[in-house]
PDB file of N, CA and C in Angstrom:
ATOM      1  N   MET A   1      28.506  -0.437   4.835  1.00  0.00           N
ATOM      2  CA  MET A   1      27.362  -0.763   3.975  1.00  0.00           C
ATOM      3  C   MET A   1      27.320   0.266   2.851  1.00  0.00           C
ATOM      4  N   SER A   2      27.201  -0.186   1.644  1.00  0.00           N
ATOM      5  CA  SER A   2      27.153   0.736   0.504  1.00  0.00           C
ATOM      6  C   SER A   2      25.779   1.390   0.411  1.00  0.00           C
ATOM      7  N   SER A   3      25.712   2.514  -0.296  1.00  0.00           N
ATOM      8  CA  SER A   3      24.428   3.206  -0.442  1.00  0.00           C
ATOM      9  C   SER A   3      23.455   2.363  -1.258  1.00  0.00           C
ATOM     10  N   GLU A   4      23.991   1.524  -2.171  1.00  0.00           N
ATOM     11  CA  GLU A   4      23.111   0.655  -2.955  1.00  0.00           C
ATOM     12  C   GLU A   4      22.405  -0.345  -2.053  1.00  0.00           C
ATOM     13  N   SER A   5      23.139  -0.931  -1.093  1.00  0.00           N
ATOM     14  CA  SER A   5      22.538  -1.866  -0.146  1.00  0.00           C
ATOM     15  C   SER A   5      21.506  -1.155   0.717  1.00  0.00           C
ATOM     16  N   GLY A   6      21.806   0.084   1.121  1.00  0.00           N
ATOM     17  CA  GLY A   6      20.866   0.862   1.925  1.00  0.00           C
ATOM     18  C   GLY A   6      19.590   1.138   1.168  1.00  0.00           C
ATOM     19  N   ASN A   7      19.703   1.490  -0.110  1.00  0.00           N
ATOM     20  CA  ASN A   7      18.513   1.739  -0.933  1.00  0.00           C
ATOM     21  C   ASN A   7      17.709   0.467  -1.126  1.00  0.00           C
ATOM     22  N   GLN A   8      18.399  -0.648  -1.311  1.00  0.00           N
ATOM     23  CA  GLN A   8      17.705  -1.910  -1.539  1.00  0.00           C
ATOM     24  C   GLN A   8      16.898  -2.308  -0.301  1.00  0.00           C
ATOM     25  N   SER A   9      17.452  -2.125   0.903  1.00  0.00           N
ATOM     26  CA  SER A   9      16.715  -2.505   2.112  1.00  0.00           C
ATOM     27  C   SER A   9      15.512  -1.593   2.313  1.00  0.00           C
ATOM     28  N   LYS A  10      15.597  -0.312   1.941  1.00  0.00           N
ATOM     29  CA  LYS A  10      14.461   0.591   2.050  1.00  0.00           C
ATOM     30  C   LYS A  10      13.341   0.166   1.106  1.00  0.00           C
ATOM     31  N   GLN A  11      13.692  -0.302  -0.086  1.00  0.00           N
ATOM     32  CA  GLN A  11      12.689  -0.678  -1.075  1.00  0.00           C
ATOM     33  C   GLN A  11      11.959  -1.960  -0.690  1.00  0.00           C
ATOM     34  N   ASN A  12      12.548  -2.785   0.155  1.00  0.00           N
ATOM     35  CA  ASN A  12      11.930  -4.049   0.526  1.00  0.00           C
ATOM     36  C   ASN A  12      10.956  -3.917   1.693  1.00  0.00           C
ATOM     37  N   LYS A  13      10.800  -2.729   2.249  1.00  0.00           N
ATOM     38  CA  LYS A  13       9.914  -2.540   3.394  1.00  0.00           C
ATOM     39  C   LYS A  13       8.497  -2.232   2.943  1.00  0.00           C
ATOM     40  N   PHE A  14       7.564  -2.805   3.638  1.00  0.00           N
ATOM     41  CA  PHE A  14       6.148  -2.574   3.361  1.00  0.00           C
ATOM     42  C   PHE A  14       5.623  -1.453   4.235  1.00  0.00           C
ATOM     43  N   ALA A  15       4.617  -0.755   3.736  1.00  0.00           N
ATOM     44  CA  ALA A  15       3.840   0.188   4.534  1.00  0.00           C
ATOM     45  C   ALA A  15       2.511  -0.516   4.832  1.00  0.00           C
ATOM     46  N   TYR A  16       1.764  -0.029   5.790  1.00  0.00           N
ATOM     47  CA  TYR A  16       0.484  -0.641   6.140  1.00  0.00           C
ATOM     48  C   TYR A  16      -0.595   0.431   6.229  1.00  0.00           C
ATOM     49  N   ALA A  17      -1.748   0.125   5.661  1.00  0.00           N
ATOM     50  CA  ALA A  17      -2.916   1.011   5.750  1.00  0.00           C
ATOM     51  C   ALA A  17      -3.972   0.298   6.581  1.00  0.00           C
ATOM     52  N   THR A  18      -4.656   1.030   7.419  1.00  0.00           N
ATOM     53  CA  THR A  18      -5.727   0.460   8.226  1.00  0.00           C
ATOM     54  C   THR A  18      -7.058   0.979   7.713  1.00  0.00           C
ATOM     55  N   ILE A  19      -7.955   0.054   7.385  1.00  0.00           N
ATOM     56  CA  ILE A  19      -9.304   0.412   6.945  1.00  0.00           C
ATOM     57  C   ILE A  19     -10.230   0.200   8.131  1.00  0.00           C
ATOM     58  N   ARG A  20     -10.944   1.233   8.534  1.00  0.00           N
ATOM     59  CA  ARG A  20     -11.901   1.123   9.641  1.00  0.00           C
ATOM     60  C   ARG A  20     -13.299   1.150   9.037  1.00  0.00           C
ATOM     61  N   MET A  21     -14.035   0.077   9.230  1.00  0.00           N
ATOM     62  CA  MET A  21     -15.379  -0.054   8.675  1.00  0.00           C
ATOM     63  C   MET A  21     -16.391   0.664   9.583  1.00  0.00           C
ATOM     64  N   PRO A  22     -17.586   0.947   9.063  1.00  0.00           N
ATOM     65  CA  PRO A  22     -18.597   1.649   9.861  1.00  0.00           C
ATOM     66  C   PRO A  22     -18.927   0.976  11.202  1.00  0.00           C
ATOM     67  N   ASP A  23     -18.774  -0.345  11.264  1.00  0.00           N
ATOM     68  CA  ASP A  23     -19.059  -1.041  12.524  1.00  0.00           C
ATOM     69  C   ASP A  23     -17.884  -0.994  13.502  1.00  0.00           C
ATOM     70  N   GLY A  24     -16.794  -0.315  13.101  1.00  0.00           N
ATOM     71  CA  GLY A  24     -15.641  -0.160  13.971  1.00  0.00           C
ATOM     72  C   GLY A  24     -14.550  -1.198  13.782  1.00  0.00           C
ATOM     73  N   LYS A  25     -14.820  -2.262  13.031  1.00  0.00           N
ATOM     74  CA  LYS A  25     -13.795  -3.285  12.798  1.00  0.00           C
ATOM     75  C   LYS A  25     -12.708  -2.703  11.902  1.00  0.00           C
ATOM     76  N   GLU A  26     -11.461  -3.064  12.229  1.00  0.00           N
ATOM     77  CA  GLU A  26     -10.329  -2.578  11.457  1.00  0.00           C
ATOM     78  C   GLU A  26      -9.646  -3.729  10.731  1.00  0.00           C
ATOM     79  N   HIS A  27      -9.147  -3.417   9.537  1.00  0.00           N
ATOM     80  CA  HIS A  27      -8.430  -4.394   8.715  1.00  0.00           C
ATOM     81  C   HIS A  27      -7.142  -3.741   8.247  1.00  0.00           C
ATOM     82  N   GLU A  28      -6.027  -4.426   8.478  1.00  0.00           N
ATOM     83  CA  GLU A  28      -4.726  -3.896   8.085  1.00  0.00           C
ATOM     84  C   GLU A  28      -4.362  -4.449   6.705  1.00  0.00           C
ATOM     85  N   ILE A  29      -3.993  -3.554   5.798  1.00  0.00           N
ATOM     86  CA  ILE A  29      -3.657  -3.921   4.429  1.00  0.00           C
ATOM     87  C   ILE A  29      -2.175  -3.618   4.200  1.00  0.00           C
ATOM     88  N   PRO A  30      -1.362  -4.630   3.817  1.00  0.00           N
ATOM     89  CA  PRO A  30       0.039  -4.354   3.508  1.00  0.00           C
ATOM     90  C   PRO A  30       0.153  -3.676   2.138  1.00  0.00           C
ATOM     91  N   LEU A  31       1.013  -2.674   2.057  1.00  0.00           N
ATOM     92  CA  LEU A  31       1.249  -1.948   0.816  1.00  0.00           C
ATOM     93  C   LEU A  31       2.690  -2.202   0.385  1.00  0.00           C
ATOM     94  N   ALA A  32       2.838  -2.799  -0.779  1.00  0.00           N
ATOM     95  CA  ALA A  32       4.170  -3.117  -1.294  1.00  0.00           C
ATOM     96  C   ALA A  32       4.811  -1.886  -1.930  1.00  0.00           C
ATOM     97  N   PRO A  33       6.136  -1.783  -1.848  1.00  0.00           N
ATOM     98  CA  PRO A  33       6.821  -0.685  -2.530  1.00  0.00           C
ATOM     99  C   PRO A  33       6.592  -0.795  -4.039  1.00  0.00           C
ATOM    100  N   LYS A  34       6.488   0.358  -4.706  1.00  0.00           N
ATOM    101  CA  LYS A  34       6.221   0.348  -6.147  1.00  0.00           C
ATOM    102  C   LYS A  34       6.782   1.607  -6.779  1.00  0.00           C
ATOM    103  N   GLN A  35       7.312   1.443  -7.988  1.00  0.00           N
ATOM    104  CA  GLN A  35       7.641   2.612  -8.796  1.00  0.00           C
ATOM    105  C   GLN A  35       6.556   2.697  -9.860  1.00  0.00           C
ATOM    106  N   PHE A  36       5.817   3.791  -9.848  1.00  0.00           N
ATOM    107  CA  PHE A  36       4.693   3.969 -10.759  1.00  0.00           C
ATOM    108  C   PHE A  36       5.190   4.354 -12.144  1.00  0.00           C
ATOM    109  N   LYS A  37       4.321   4.224 -13.147  1.00  0.00           N
ATOM    110  CA  LYS A  37       4.676   4.540 -14.531  1.00  0.00           C
ATOM    111  C   LYS A  37       5.176   5.966 -14.690  1.00  0.00           C
ATOM    112  N   THR A  38       4.729   6.856 -13.819  1.00  0.00           N
ATOM    113  CA  THR A  38       5.159   8.256 -13.858  1.00  0.00           C
ATOM    114  C   THR A  38       6.590   8.431 -13.361  1.00  0.00           C
ATOM    115  N   GLY A  39       7.144   7.372 -12.766  1.00  0.00           N
ATOM    116  CA  GLY A  39       8.481   7.439 -12.191  1.00  0.00           C
ATOM    117  C   GLY A  39       8.478   7.716 -10.702  1.00  0.00           C
ATOM    118  N   ARG A  40       7.330   8.096 -10.170  1.00  0.00           N
ATOM    119  CA  ARG A  40       7.233   8.342  -8.734  1.00  0.00           C
ATOM    120  C   ARG A  40       7.357   7.040  -7.962  1.00  0.00           C
ATOM    121  N   GLU A  41       7.934   7.133  -6.776  1.00  0.00           N
ATOM    122  CA  GLU A  41       8.038   5.972  -5.900  1.00  0.00           C
ATOM    123  C   GLU A  41       6.975   6.058  -4.826  1.00  0.00           C
ATOM    124  N   GLY A  42       6.485   4.907  -4.401  1.00  0.00           N
ATOM    125  CA  GLY A  42       5.477   4.903  -3.360  1.00  0.00           C
ATOM    126  C   GLY A  42       5.120   3.489  -2.958  1.00  0.00           C
ATOM    127  N   TYR A  43       3.843   3.310  -2.617  1.00  0.00           N
ATOM    128  CA  TYR A  43       3.338   2.021  -2.130  1.00  0.00           C
ATOM    129  C   TYR A  43       1.997   1.735  -2.779  1.00  0.00           C
ATOM    130  N   TYR A  44       1.666   0.433  -2.901  1.00  0.00           N
ATOM    131  CA  TYR A  44       0.488   0.043  -3.662  1.00  0.00           C
ATOM    132  C   TYR A  44      -0.078  -1.278  -3.127  1.00  0.00           C
ATOM    133  N   ALA A  45      -1.387  -1.396  -3.162  1.00  0.00           N
ATOM    134  CA  ALA A  45      -2.049  -2.669  -2.853  1.00  0.00           C
ATOM    135  C   ALA A  45      -3.275  -2.811  -3.739  1.00  0.00           C
ATOM    136  N   GLN A  46      -3.446  -3.980  -4.314  1.00  0.00           N
ATOM    137  CA  GLN A  46      -4.648  -4.329  -5.074  1.00  0.00           C
ATOM    138  C   GLN A  46      -5.513  -5.181  -4.153  1.00  0.00           C
ATOM    139  N   ILE A  47      -6.787  -4.827  -4.023  1.00  0.00           N
ATOM    140  CA  ILE A  47      -7.709  -5.584  -3.173  1.00  0.00           C
ATOM    141  C   ILE A  47      -8.732  -6.236  -4.098  1.00  0.00           C
ATOM    142  N   PRO A  48      -8.526  -7.506  -4.449  1.00  0.00           N
ATOM    143  CA  PRO A  48      -9.408  -8.165  -5.420  1.00  0.00           C
ATOM    144  C   PRO A  48     -10.824  -8.386  -4.901  1.00  0.00           C
ATOM    145  N   SER A  49     -10.956  -8.721  -3.621  1.00  0.00           N
ATOM    146  CA  SER A  49     -12.306  -8.862  -3.065  1.00  0.00           C
ATOM    147  C   SER A  49     -12.246  -8.731  -1.545  1.00  0.00           C
ATOM    148  N   PHE A  50     -13.283  -8.091  -1.033  1.00  0.00           N
ATOM    149  CA  PHE A  50     -13.379  -7.815   0.399  1.00  0.00           C
ATOM    150  C   PHE A  50     -14.861  -7.872   0.740  1.00  0.00           C
ATOM    151  N   VAL A  51     -15.256  -8.787   1.628  1.00  0.00           N
ATOM    152  CA  VAL A  51     -16.664  -8.960   1.965  1.00  0.00           C
ATOM    153  C   VAL A  51     -16.990  -8.160   3.222  1.00  0.00           C
ATOM    154  N   TYR A  52     -18.018  -7.329   3.130  1.00  0.00           N
ATOM    155  CA  TYR A  52     -18.494  -6.557   4.275  1.00  0.00           C
ATOM    156  C   TYR A  52     -20.014  -6.472   4.191  1.00  0.00           C
ATOM    157  N   ASN A  53     -20.696  -6.899   5.240  1.00  0.00           N
ATOM    158  CA  ASN A  53     -22.171  -6.907   5.289  1.00  0.00           C
ATOM    159  C   ASN A  53     -22.782  -7.604   4.077  1.00  0.00           C
ATOM    160  N   ASP A  54     -22.233  -8.756   3.746  1.00  0.00           N
ATOM    161  CA  ASP A  54     -22.715  -9.580   2.633  1.00  0.00           C
ATOM    162  C   ASP A  54     -22.574  -8.904   1.263  1.00  0.00           C
ATOM    163  N   ASN A  55     -21.785  -7.855   1.183  1.00  0.00           N
ATOM    164  CA  ASN A  55     -21.476  -7.208  -0.097  1.00  0.00           C
ATOM    165  C   ASN A  55     -20.001  -7.410  -0.393  1.00  0.00           C
ATOM    166  N   ILE A  56     -19.673  -7.550  -1.670  1.00  0.00           N
ATOM    167  CA  ILE A  56     -18.285  -7.748  -2.073  1.00  0.00           C
ATOM    168  C   ILE A  56     -17.748  -6.441  -2.648  1.00  0.00           C
ATOM    169  N   TYR A  57     -16.622  -6.011  -2.098  1.00  0.00           N
ATOM    170  CA  TYR A  57     -15.960  -4.793  -2.541  1.00  0.00           C
ATOM    171  C   TYR A  57     -14.601  -5.149  -3.121  1.00  0.00           C
ATOM    172  N   GLY A  58     -14.078  -4.306  -3.947  1.00  0.00           N
ATOM    173  CA  GLY A  58     -12.727  -4.437  -4.475  1.00  0.00           C
ATOM    174  C   GLY A  58     -12.148  -3.041  -4.615  1.00  0.00           C
ATOM    175  N   GLY A  59     -10.850  -2.966  -4.802  1.00  0.00           N
ATOM    176  CA  GLY A  59     -10.259  -1.654  -4.986  1.00  0.00           C
ATOM    177  C   GLY A  59      -8.753  -1.703  -4.942  1.00  0.00           C
ATOM    178  N   GLN A  60      -8.168  -0.534  -4.776  1.00  0.00           N
ATOM    179  CA  GLN A  60      -6.726  -0.430  -4.673  1.00  0.00           C
ATOM    180  C   GLN A  60      -6.370   0.773  -3.819  1.00  0.00           C
ATOM    181  N   ILE A  61      -5.174   0.699  -3.265  1.00  0.00           N
ATOM    182  CA  ILE A  61      -4.648   1.786  -2.465  1.00  0.00           C
ATOM    183  C   ILE A  61      -3.315   2.188  -3.081  1.00  0.00           C
ATOM    184  N   GLN A  62      -3.134   3.480  -3.322  1.00  0.00           N
ATOM    185  CA  GLN A  62      -1.892   3.986  -3.875  1.00  0.00           C
ATOM    186  C   GLN A  62      -1.414   5.170  -3.048  1.00  0.00           C
ATOM    187  N   LEU A  63      -0.149   5.155  -2.691  1.00  0.00           N
ATOM    188  CA  LEU A  63       0.496   6.274  -2.005  1.00  0.00           C
ATOM    189  C   LEU A  63       1.776   6.575  -2.755  1.00  0.00           C
ATOM    190  N   TRP A  64       2.058   7.845  -3.011  1.00  0.00           N
ATOM    191  CA  TRP A  64       3.309   8.172  -3.686  1.00  0.00           C
ATOM    192  C   TRP A  64       3.874   9.461  -3.126  1.00  0.00           C
ATOM    193  N   LYS A  65       5.173   9.616  -3.341  1.00  0.00           N
ATOM    194  CA  LYS A  65       5.862  10.823  -2.898  1.00  0.00           C
ATOM    195  C   LYS A  65       5.410  11.986  -3.773  1.00  0.00           C
ATOM    196  N   LYS A  66       5.088  13.074  -3.144  1.00  0.00           N
ATOM    197  CA  LYS A  66       4.704  14.285  -3.867  1.00  0.00           C
ATOM    198  C   LYS A  66       5.961  15.032  -4.292  1.00  0.00           C
ATOM    199  N   THR A  67       5.912  15.636  -5.445  1.00  0.00           N
ATOM    200  CA  THR A  67       7.028  16.461  -5.884  1.00  0.00           C
ATOM    201  C   THR A  67       6.895  17.833  -5.258  1.00  0.00           C
ATOM    202  N   LYS A  68       8.007  18.470  -5.044  1.00  0.00           N
ATOM    203  CA  LYS A  68       7.997  19.795  -4.389  1.00  0.00           C
ATOM    204  C   LYS A  68       7.729  20.887  -5.374  1.00  0.00           C
TER     205      LYS A  68
END
């Protein structure tokens, strides 16, 4: 397997974040691989709407590799 194929398979994997609400319910959010405008690689999810206790929330989750 070439290193290019190895890199490609790593980029296709999702990470998952778990949001635990005050009532204890958990929601798993898939985070897609992303290269940010800064050039950093990481994971990202846009949450357009999320209903909790009759309120609508939205947001995003971003994770990126820290530079040393």
